[in-house]
Amino acid sequence: MDFYEKEERQISVEIRFDCEQTSITCLFDSDERCDYAFIFPDHLNSLTEYVSFFNAIYDYDAFRCRWILKNGYLSQKESKDGFCFMVNY
């Protein structure tokens, strides 16, 4: 899927997981590599489960409010539609 923001072309892919009630969107850079991914849970009550899971497998940087991944970071973000987690590489 292509979309334009501030007249700049962006390529994205959205994947829907109906059973998990979650969507994941990946944004790609000019080299067609995913440089951002967004996890959108359908319900706020599942956020605690996500946070518990992330805390169990990643170190958390409280100063920067994000989890540390091998090649990037995972953070919590408010979005216009509610709440999401953002991974940047």
PDB file of N, CA and C in Angstrom:
ATOM      1  N   MET A   1       0.842  -1.154   0.000  1.00  0.00           N
ATOM      2  CA  MET A   1       0.000   0.000   0.000  1.00  0.00           C
ATOM      3  C   MET A   1       0.898   1.231   0.000  1.00  0.00           C
ATOM      4  N   ASP A   2       0.629   2.169  -0.852  1.00  0.00           N
ATOM      5  CA  ASP A   2       1.358   3.430  -0.876  1.00  0.00           C
ATOM      6  C   ASP A   2       0.486   4.510  -0.256  1.00  0.00           C
ATOM      7  N   PHE A   3       1.098   5.417   0.502  1.00  0.00           N
ATOM      8  CA  PHE A   3       0.369   6.589   0.944  1.00  0.00           C
ATOM      9  C   PHE A   3       1.330   7.765   0.947  1.00  0.00           C
ATOM     10  N   TYR A   4       0.783   8.943   0.987  1.00  0.00           N
ATOM     11  CA  TYR A   4       1.583  10.153   0.902  1.00  0.00           C
ATOM     12  C   TYR A   4       1.349  11.005   2.142  1.00  0.00           C
ATOM     13  N   GLU A   5       2.439  11.451   2.742  1.00  0.00           N
ATOM     14  CA  GLU A   5       2.374  12.352   3.874  1.00  0.00           C
ATOM     15  C   GLU A   5       3.338  13.490   3.599  1.00  0.00           C
ATOM     16  N   LYS A   6       2.815  14.698   3.645  1.00  0.00           N
ATOM     17  CA  LYS A   6       3.616  15.891   3.327  1.00  0.00           C
ATOM     18  C   LYS A   6       4.298  15.720   1.980  1.00  0.00           C
ATOM     19  N   GLU A   7       3.545  15.194   1.036  1.00  0.00           N
ATOM     20  CA  GLU A   7       3.986  14.992  -0.343  1.00  0.00           C
ATOM     21  C   GLU A   7       5.161  14.027  -0.474  1.00  0.00           C
ATOM     22  N   GLU A   8       5.386  13.222   0.546  1.00  0.00           N
ATOM     23  CA  GLU A   8       6.429  12.208   0.491  1.00  0.00           C
ATOM     24  C   GLU A   8       5.769  10.838   0.413  1.00  0.00           C
ATOM     25  N   ARG A   9       6.202  10.032  -0.533  1.00  0.00           N
ATOM     26  CA  ARG A   9       5.622   8.704  -0.730  1.00  0.00           C
ATOM     27  C   ARG A   9       6.123   7.754   0.345  1.00  0.00           C
ATOM     28  N   GLN A  10       5.202   7.024   0.929  1.00  0.00           N
ATOM     29  CA  GLN A  10       5.513   6.017   1.931  1.00  0.00           C
ATOM     30  C   GLN A  10       4.918   4.700   1.466  1.00  0.00           C
ATOM     31  N   ILE A  11       5.593   3.610   1.749  1.00  0.00           N
ATOM     32  CA  ILE A  11       5.085   2.281   1.451  1.00  0.00           C
ATOM     33  C   ILE A  11       4.792   1.609   2.783  1.00  0.00           C
ATOM     34  N   SER A  12       3.622   0.990   2.884  1.00  0.00           N
ATOM     35  CA  SER A  12       3.254   0.316   4.125  1.00  0.00           C
ATOM     36  C   SER A  12       2.516  -0.979   3.829  1.00  0.00           C
ATOM     37  N   VAL A  13       2.530  -1.849   4.826  1.00  0.00           N
ATOM     38  CA  VAL A  13       1.787  -3.100   4.783  1.00  0.00           C
ATOM     39  C   VAL A  13       1.070  -3.214   6.118  1.00  0.00           C
ATOM     40  N   GLU A  14      -0.215  -3.543   6.060  1.00  0.00           N
ATOM     41  CA  GLU A  14      -0.976  -3.758   7.290  1.00  0.00           C
ATOM     42  C   GLU A  14      -1.429  -5.206   7.334  1.00  0.00           C
ATOM     43  N   ILE A  15      -1.227  -5.835   8.500  1.00  0.00           N
ATOM     44  CA  ILE A  15      -1.613  -7.226   8.703  1.00  0.00           C
ATOM     45  C   ILE A  15      -2.595  -7.261   9.861  1.00  0.00           C
ATOM     46  N   ARG A  16      -3.708  -7.920   9.651  1.00  0.00           N
ATOM     47  CA  ARG A  16      -4.755  -8.019  10.659  1.00  0.00           C
ATOM     48  C   ARG A  16      -4.771  -9.427  11.253  1.00  0.00           C
ATOM     49  N   PHE A  17      -4.774  -9.518  12.584  1.00  0.00           N
ATOM     50  CA  PHE A  17      -4.888 -10.787  13.308  1.00  0.00           C
ATOM     51  C   PHE A  17      -6.224 -10.775  14.045  1.00  0.00           C
ATOM     52  N   ASP A  18      -7.236 -11.366  13.424  1.00  0.00           N
ATOM     53  CA  ASP A  18      -8.588 -11.306  13.987  1.00  0.00           C
ATOM     54  C   ASP A  18      -8.692 -12.009  15.339  1.00  0.00           C
ATOM     55  N   CYS A  19      -8.120 -13.204  15.472  1.00  0.00           N
ATOM     56  CA  CYS A  19      -8.218 -13.942  16.735  1.00  0.00           C
ATOM     57  C   CYS A  19      -7.560 -13.186  17.884  1.00  0.00           C
ATOM     58  N   GLU A  20      -6.449 -12.529  17.608  1.00  0.00           N
ATOM     59  CA  GLU A  20      -5.733 -11.771  18.635  1.00  0.00           C
ATOM     60  C   GLU A  20      -6.279 -10.359  18.787  1.00  0.00           C
ATOM     61  N   GLN A  21      -7.172  -9.951  17.886  1.00  0.00           N
ATOM     62  CA  GLN A  21      -7.761  -8.606  17.885  1.00  0.00           C
ATOM     63  C   GLN A  21      -6.679  -7.530  17.889  1.00  0.00           C
ATOM     64  N   THR A  22      -5.747  -7.686  16.934  1.00  0.00           N
ATOM     65  CA  THR A  22      -4.598  -6.802  16.819  1.00  0.00           C
ATOM     66  C   THR A  22      -4.252  -6.608  15.346  1.00  0.00           C
ATOM     67  N   SER A  23      -3.757  -5.419  15.023  1.00  0.00           N
ATOM     68  CA  SER A  23      -3.231  -5.141  13.683  1.00  0.00           C
ATOM     69  C   SER A  23      -1.784  -4.693  13.806  1.00  0.00           C
ATOM     70  N   ILE A  24      -0.988  -5.035  12.804  1.00  0.00           N
ATOM     71  CA  ILE A  24       0.403  -4.577  12.730  1.00  0.00           C
ATOM     72  C   ILE A  24       0.574  -3.867  11.402  1.00  0.00           C
ATOM     73  N   THR A  25       1.154  -2.680  11.446  1.00  0.00           N
ATOM     74  CA  THR A  25       1.451  -1.919  10.231  1.00  0.00           C
ATOM     75  C   THR A  25       2.944  -1.691  10.164  1.00  0.00           C
ATOM     76  N   CYS A  26       3.545  -1.976   9.016  1.00  0.00           N
ATOM     77  CA  CYS A  26       4.979  -1.740   8.791  1.00  0.00           C
ATOM     78  C   CYS A  26       5.138  -0.631   7.771  1.00  0.00           C
ATOM     79  N   LEU A  27       6.031   0.317   8.056  1.00  0.00           N
ATOM     80  CA  LEU A  27       6.388   1.377   7.115  1.00  0.00           C
ATOM     81  C   LEU A  27       7.775   1.084   6.582  1.00  0.00           C
ATOM     82  N   PHE A  28       7.954   1.268   5.291  1.00  0.00           N
ATOM     83  CA  PHE A  28       9.207   0.932   4.631  1.00  0.00           C
ATOM     84  C   PHE A  28       9.943   2.181   4.184  1.00  0.00           C
ATOM     85  N   ASP A  29      11.282   2.126   4.259  1.00  0.00           N
ATOM     86  CA  ASP A  29      12.112   3.244   3.807  1.00  0.00           C
ATOM     87  C   ASP A  29      12.334   3.161   2.301  1.00  0.00           C
ATOM     88  N   SER A  30      13.144   4.049   1.771  1.00  0.00           N
ATOM     89  CA  SER A  30      13.383   4.101   0.320  1.00  0.00           C
ATOM     90  C   SER A  30      14.108   2.862  -0.196  1.00  0.00           C
ATOM     91  N   ASP A  31      14.768   2.107   0.690  1.00  0.00           N
ATOM     92  CA  ASP A  31      15.429   0.860   0.299  1.00  0.00           C
ATOM     93  C   ASP A  31      14.505  -0.348   0.488  1.00  0.00           C
ATOM     94  N   GLU A  32      13.219  -0.077   0.754  1.00  0.00           N
ATOM     95  CA  GLU A  32      12.192  -1.093   0.945  1.00  0.00           C
ATOM     96  C   GLU A  32      12.452  -1.994   2.153  1.00  0.00           C
ATOM     97  N   ARG A  33      13.064  -1.418   3.190  1.00  0.00           N
ATOM     98  CA  ARG A  33      13.265  -2.112   4.463  1.00  0.00           C
ATOM     99  C   ARG A  33      12.311  -1.517   5.492  1.00  0.00           C
ATOM    100  N   CYS A  34      11.729  -2.371   6.296  1.00  0.00           N
ATOM    101  CA  CYS A  34      10.837  -1.880   7.344  1.00  0.00           C
ATOM    102  C   CYS A  34      11.655  -1.083   8.355  1.00  0.00           C
ATOM    103  N   ASP A  35      11.291   0.191   8.529  1.00  0.00           N
ATOM    104  CA  ASP A  35      12.009   0.975   9.531  1.00  0.00           C
ATOM    105  C   ASP A  35      11.119   1.359  10.717  1.00  0.00           C
ATOM    106  N   TYR A  36       9.815   1.177  10.584  1.00  0.00           N
ATOM    107  CA  TYR A  36       8.887   1.372  11.695  1.00  0.00           C
ATOM    108  C   TYR A  36       7.799   0.315  11.611  1.00  0.00           C
ATOM    109  N   ALA A  37       7.384  -0.181  12.757  1.00  0.00           N
ATOM    110  CA  ALA A  37       6.244  -1.090  12.830  1.00  0.00           C
ATOM    111  C   ALA A  37       5.361  -0.615  13.981  1.00  0.00           C
ATOM    112  N   PHE A  38       4.065  -0.694  13.767  1.00  0.00           N
ATOM    113  CA  PHE A  38       3.093  -0.265  14.766  1.00  0.00           C
ATOM    114  C   PHE A  38       2.180  -1.431  15.099  1.00  0.00           C
ATOM    115  N   ILE A  39       1.990  -1.677  16.394  1.00  0.00           N
ATOM    116  CA  ILE A  39       1.102  -2.723  16.878  1.00  0.00           C
ATOM    117  C   ILE A  39      -0.122  -2.021  17.465  1.00  0.00           C
ATOM    118  N   PHE A  40      -1.292  -2.313  16.900  1.00  0.00           N
ATOM    119  CA  PHE A  40      -2.535  -1.677  17.321  1.00  0.00           C
ATOM    120  C   PHE A  40      -3.486  -2.708  17.940  1.00  0.00           C
ATOM    121  N   PRO A  41      -3.486  -2.842  19.272  1.00  0.00           N
ATOM    122  CA  PRO A  41      -4.483  -3.712  19.907  1.00  0.00           C
ATOM    123  C   PRO A  41      -5.871  -3.078  19.764  1.00  0.00           C
ATOM    124  N   ASP A  42      -6.881  -3.902  19.601  1.00  0.00           N
ATOM    125  CA  ASP A  42      -8.247  -3.386  19.464  1.00  0.00           C
ATOM    126  C   ASP A  42      -8.795  -2.832  20.773  1.00  0.00           C
ATOM    127  N   HIS A  43      -8.349  -3.383  21.898  1.00  0.00           N
ATOM    128  CA  HIS A  43      -8.938  -3.035  23.185  1.00  0.00           C
ATOM    129  C   HIS A  43      -7.863  -2.601  24.179  1.00  0.00           C
ATOM    130  N   LEU A  44      -8.174  -1.587  24.955  1.00  0.00           N
ATOM    131  CA  LEU A  44      -7.229  -1.109  25.961  1.00  0.00           C
ATOM    132  C   LEU A  44      -6.972  -2.128  27.061  1.00  0.00           C
ATOM    133  N   ASN A  45      -7.934  -3.002  27.327  1.00  0.00           N
ATOM    134  CA  ASN A  45      -7.743  -3.970  28.418  1.00  0.00           C
ATOM    135  C   ASN A  45      -6.641  -4.982  28.112  1.00  0.00           C
ATOM    136  N   SER A  46      -6.235  -5.116  26.844  1.00  0.00           N
ATOM    137  CA  SER A  46      -5.158  -6.045  26.508  1.00  0.00           C
ATOM    138  C   SER A  46      -3.768  -5.417  26.656  1.00  0.00           C
ATOM    139  N   LEU A  47      -3.703  -4.120  26.931  1.00  0.00           N
ATOM    140  CA  LEU A  47      -2.408  -3.440  27.041  1.00  0.00           C
ATOM    141  C   LEU A  47      -1.559  -4.020  28.163  1.00  0.00           C
ATOM    142  N   THR A  48      -2.166  -4.371  29.269  1.00  0.00           N
ATOM    143  CA  THR A  48      -1.428  -4.948  30.390  1.00  0.00           C
ATOM    144  C   THR A  48      -0.740  -6.241  29.972  1.00  0.00           C
ATOM    145  N   GLU A  49      -1.414  -7.046  29.167  1.00  0.00           N
ATOM    146  CA  GLU A  49      -0.811  -8.291  28.686  1.00  0.00           C
ATOM    147  C   GLU A  49       0.393  -8.008  27.795  1.00  0.00           C
ATOM    148  N   TYR A  50       0.278  -7.027  26.915  1.00  0.00           N
ATOM    149  CA  TYR A  50       1.403  -6.657  26.053  1.00  0.00           C
ATOM    150  C   TYR A  50       2.582  -6.165  26.882  1.00  0.00           C
ATOM    151  N   VAL A  51       2.315  -5.262  27.824  1.00  0.00           N
ATOM    152  CA  VAL A  51       3.387  -4.708  28.658  1.00  0.00           C
ATOM    153  C   VAL A  51       4.060  -5.811  29.461  1.00  0.00           C
ATOM    154  N   SER A  52       3.295  -6.718  30.025  1.00  0.00           N
ATOM    155  CA  SER A  52       3.872  -7.835  30.785  1.00  0.00           C
ATOM    156  C   SER A  52       4.754  -8.704  29.893  1.00  0.00           C
ATOM    157  N   PHE A  53       4.281  -8.976  28.696  1.00  0.00           N
ATOM    158  CA  PHE A  53       5.055  -9.770  27.742  1.00  0.00           C
ATOM    159  C   PHE A  53       6.359  -9.064  27.378  1.00  0.00           C
ATOM    160  N   PHE A  54       6.279  -7.778  27.030  1.00  0.00           N
ATOM    161  CA  PHE A  54       7.489  -7.028  26.659  1.00  0.00           C
ATOM    162  C   PHE A  54       8.464  -6.949  27.827  1.00  0.00           C
ATOM    163  N   ASN A  55       7.953  -6.738  29.037  1.00  0.00           N
ATOM    164  CA  ASN A  55       8.821  -6.685  30.222  1.00  0.00           C
ATOM    165  C   ASN A  55       9.535  -8.010  30.464  1.00  0.00           C
ATOM    166  N   ALA A  56       8.900  -9.115  30.101  1.00  0.00           N
ATOM    167  CA  ALA A  56       9.491 -10.433  30.324  1.00  0.00           C
ATOM    168  C   ALA A  56      10.633 -10.727  29.358  1.00  0.00           C
ATOM    169  N   ILE A  57      10.614 -10.121  28.166  1.00  0.00           N
ATOM    170  CA  ILE A  57      11.643 -10.490  27.179  1.00  0.00           C
ATOM    171  C   ILE A  57      12.602  -9.362  26.806  1.00  0.00           C
ATOM    172  N   TYR A  58      12.281  -8.123  27.170  1.00  0.00           N
ATOM    173  CA  TYR A  58      13.157  -6.993  26.823  1.00  0.00           C
ATOM    174  C   TYR A  58      13.503  -6.182  28.064  1.00  0.00           C
ATOM    175  N   ASP A  59      14.688  -5.595  28.065  1.00  0.00           N
ATOM    176  CA  ASP A  59      15.047  -4.645  29.113  1.00  0.00           C
ATOM    177  C   ASP A  59      14.313  -3.337  28.841  1.00  0.00           C
ATOM    178  N   TYR A  60      13.886  -2.670  29.925  1.00  0.00           N
ATOM    179  CA  TYR A  60      13.144  -1.420  29.798  1.00  0.00           C
ATOM    180  C   TYR A  60      14.028  -0.255  30.219  1.00  0.00           C
ATOM    181  N   ASP A  61      14.100   0.766  29.380  1.00  0.00           N
ATOM    182  CA  ASP A  61      14.840   1.999  29.664  1.00  0.00           C
ATOM    183  C   ASP A  61      13.833   3.005  30.222  1.00  0.00           C
ATOM    184  N   ALA A  62      13.777   3.125  31.543  1.00  0.00           N
ATOM    185  CA  ALA A  62      12.789   3.997  32.183  1.00  0.00           C
ATOM    186  C   ALA A  62      13.036   5.468  31.867  1.00  0.00           C
ATOM    187  N   PHE A  63      14.282   5.850  31.675  1.00  0.00           N
ATOM    188  CA  PHE A  63      14.607   7.243  31.365  1.00  0.00           C
ATOM    189  C   PHE A  63      14.009   7.659  30.019  1.00  0.00           C
ATOM    190  N   ARG A  64      14.096   6.774  29.023  1.00  0.00           N
ATOM    191  CA  ARG A  64      13.575   7.075  27.682  1.00  0.00           C
ATOM    192  C   ARG A  64      12.192   6.472  27.431  1.00  0.00           C
ATOM    193  N   CYS A  65      11.665   5.747  28.430  1.00  0.00           N
ATOM    194  CA  CYS A  65      10.324   5.147  28.350  1.00  0.00           C
ATOM    195  C   CYS A  65      10.180   4.231  27.142  1.00  0.00           C
ATOM    196  N   ARG A  66      11.098   3.262  27.017  1.00  0.00           N
ATOM    197  CA  ARG A  66      11.036   2.331  25.893  1.00  0.00           C
ATOM    198  C   ARG A  66      11.793   1.053  26.237  1.00  0.00           C
ATOM    199  N   TRP A  67      11.409  -0.004  25.539  1.00  0.00           N
ATOM    200  CA  TRP A  67      12.114  -1.274  25.662  1.00  0.00           C
ATOM    201  C   TRP A  67      13.250  -1.306  24.649  1.00  0.00           C
ATOM    202  N   ILE A  68      14.318  -1.984  25.012  1.00  0.00           N
ATOM    203  CA  ILE A  68      15.497  -2.056  24.155  1.00  0.00           C
ATOM    204  C   ILE A  68      15.485  -3.389  23.405  1.00  0.00           C
ATOM    205  N   LEU A  69      15.424  -3.312  22.089  1.00  0.00           N
ATOM    206  CA  LEU A  69      15.470  -4.496  21.235  1.00  0.00           C
ATOM    207  C   LEU A  69      16.886  -4.685  20.711  1.00  0.00           C
ATOM    208  N   LYS A  70      17.148  -5.801  20.088  1.00  0.00           N
ATOM    209  CA  LYS A  70      18.475  -6.074  19.544  1.00  0.00           C
ATOM    210  C   LYS A  70      18.881  -5.018  18.504  1.00  0.00           C
ATOM    211  N   ASN A  71      17.946  -4.641  17.639  1.00  0.00           N
ATOM    212  CA  ASN A  71      18.261  -3.686  16.557  1.00  0.00           C
ATOM    213  C   ASN A  71      17.370  -2.461  16.571  1.00  0.00           C
ATOM    214  N   GLY A  72      16.812  -2.107  17.716  1.00  0.00           N
ATOM    215  CA  GLY A  72      15.924  -0.945  17.749  1.00  0.00           C
ATOM    216  C   GLY A  72      15.272  -0.772  19.103  1.00  0.00           C
ATOM    217  N   TYR A  73      14.142  -0.106  19.089  1.00  0.00           N
ATOM    218  CA  TYR A  73      13.430   0.225  20.312  1.00  0.00           C
ATOM    219  C   TYR A  73      11.938  -0.006  20.133  1.00  0.00           C
ATOM    220  N   LEU A  74      11.273  -0.257  21.245  1.00  0.00           N
ATOM    221  CA  LEU A  74       9.831  -0.455  21.271  1.00  0.00           C
ATOM    222  C   LEU A  74       9.272   0.510  22.301  1.00  0.00           C
ATOM    223  N   SER A  75       8.306   1.312  21.909  1.00  0.00           N
ATOM    224  CA  SER A  75       7.742   2.289  22.832  1.00  0.00           C
ATOM    225  C   SER A  75       6.224   2.307  22.738  1.00  0.00           C
ATOM    226  N   GLN A  76       5.603   2.891  23.755  1.00  0.00           N
ATOM    227  CA  GLN A  76       4.153   3.047  23.801  1.00  0.00           C
ATOM    228  C   GLN A  76       3.805   4.420  23.243  1.00  0.00           C
ATOM    229  N   LYS A  77       2.766   4.488  22.453  1.00  0.00           N
ATOM    230  CA  LYS A  77       2.351   5.761  21.868  1.00  0.00           C
ATOM    231  C   LYS A  77       0.844   5.877  21.905  1.00  0.00           C
ATOM    232  N   GLU A  78       0.373   7.093  22.140  1.00  0.00           N
ATOM    233  CA  GLU A  78      -1.046   7.362  21.949  1.00  0.00           C
ATOM    234  C   GLU A  78      -1.242   7.704  20.490  1.00  0.00           C
ATOM    235  N   SER A  79      -2.308   7.183  19.907  1.00  0.00           N
ATOM    236  CA  SER A  79      -2.612   7.485  18.513  1.00  0.00           C
ATOM    237  C   SER A  79      -3.991   8.116  18.442  1.00  0.00           C
ATOM    238  N   LYS A  80      -4.336   8.602  17.275  1.00  0.00           N
ATOM    239  CA  LYS A  80      -5.653   9.224  17.123  1.00  0.00           C
ATOM    240  C   LYS A  80      -6.775   8.212  17.352  1.00  0.00           C
ATOM    241  N   ASP A  81      -6.474   6.931  17.168  1.00  0.00           N
ATOM    242  CA  ASP A  81      -7.473   5.881  17.336  1.00  0.00           C
ATOM    243  C   ASP A  81      -7.389   5.194  18.691  1.00  0.00           C
ATOM    244  N   GLY A  82      -6.500   5.633  19.555  1.00  0.00           N
ATOM    245  CA  GLY A  82      -6.378   5.006  20.867  1.00  0.00           C
ATOM    246  C   GLY A  82      -4.942   4.884  21.302  1.00  0.00           C
ATOM    247  N   PHE A  83      -4.414   3.684  21.218  1.00  0.00           N
ATOM    248  CA  PHE A  83      -3.101   3.400  21.779  1.00  0.00           C
ATOM    249  C   PHE A  83      -2.381   2.411  20.882  1.00  0.00           C
ATOM    250  N   CYS A  84      -1.067   2.538  20.789  1.00  0.00           N
ATOM    251  CA  CYS A  84      -0.296   1.579  19.988  1.00  0.00           C
ATOM    252  C   CYS A  84       1.103   1.438  20.563  1.00  0.00           C
ATOM    253  N   PHE A  85       1.785   0.428  20.071  1.00  0.00           N
ATOM    254  CA  PHE A  85       3.199   0.241  20.372  1.00  0.00           C
ATOM    255  C   PHE A  85       3.952   0.478  19.070  1.00  0.00           C
ATOM    256  N   MET A  86       5.078   1.169  19.164  1.00  0.00           N
ATOM    257  CA  MET A  86       5.857   1.493  17.974  1.00  0.00           C
ATOM    258  C   MET A  86       7.250   0.889  18.080  1.00  0.00           C
ATOM    259  N   VAL A  87       7.673   0.202  17.044  1.00  0.00           N
ATOM    260  CA  VAL A  87       9.014  -0.342  16.952  1.00  0.00           C
ATOM    261  C   VAL A  87       9.750   0.465  15.895  1.00  0.00           C
ATOM    262  N   ASN A  88      10.916   0.983  16.247  1.00  0.00           N
ATOM    263  CA  ASN A  88      11.745   1.637  15.232  1.00  0.00           C
ATOM    264  C   ASN A  88      13.113   0.979  15.207  1.00  0.00           C
ATOM    265  N   TYR A  89      13.602   0.787  13.999  1.00  0.00           N
ATOM    266  CA  TYR A  89      14.872   0.075  13.784  1.00  0.00           C
ATOM    267  C   TYR A  89      15.954   1.035  13.433  1.00  0.00           C
TER     268      TYR A  89
END
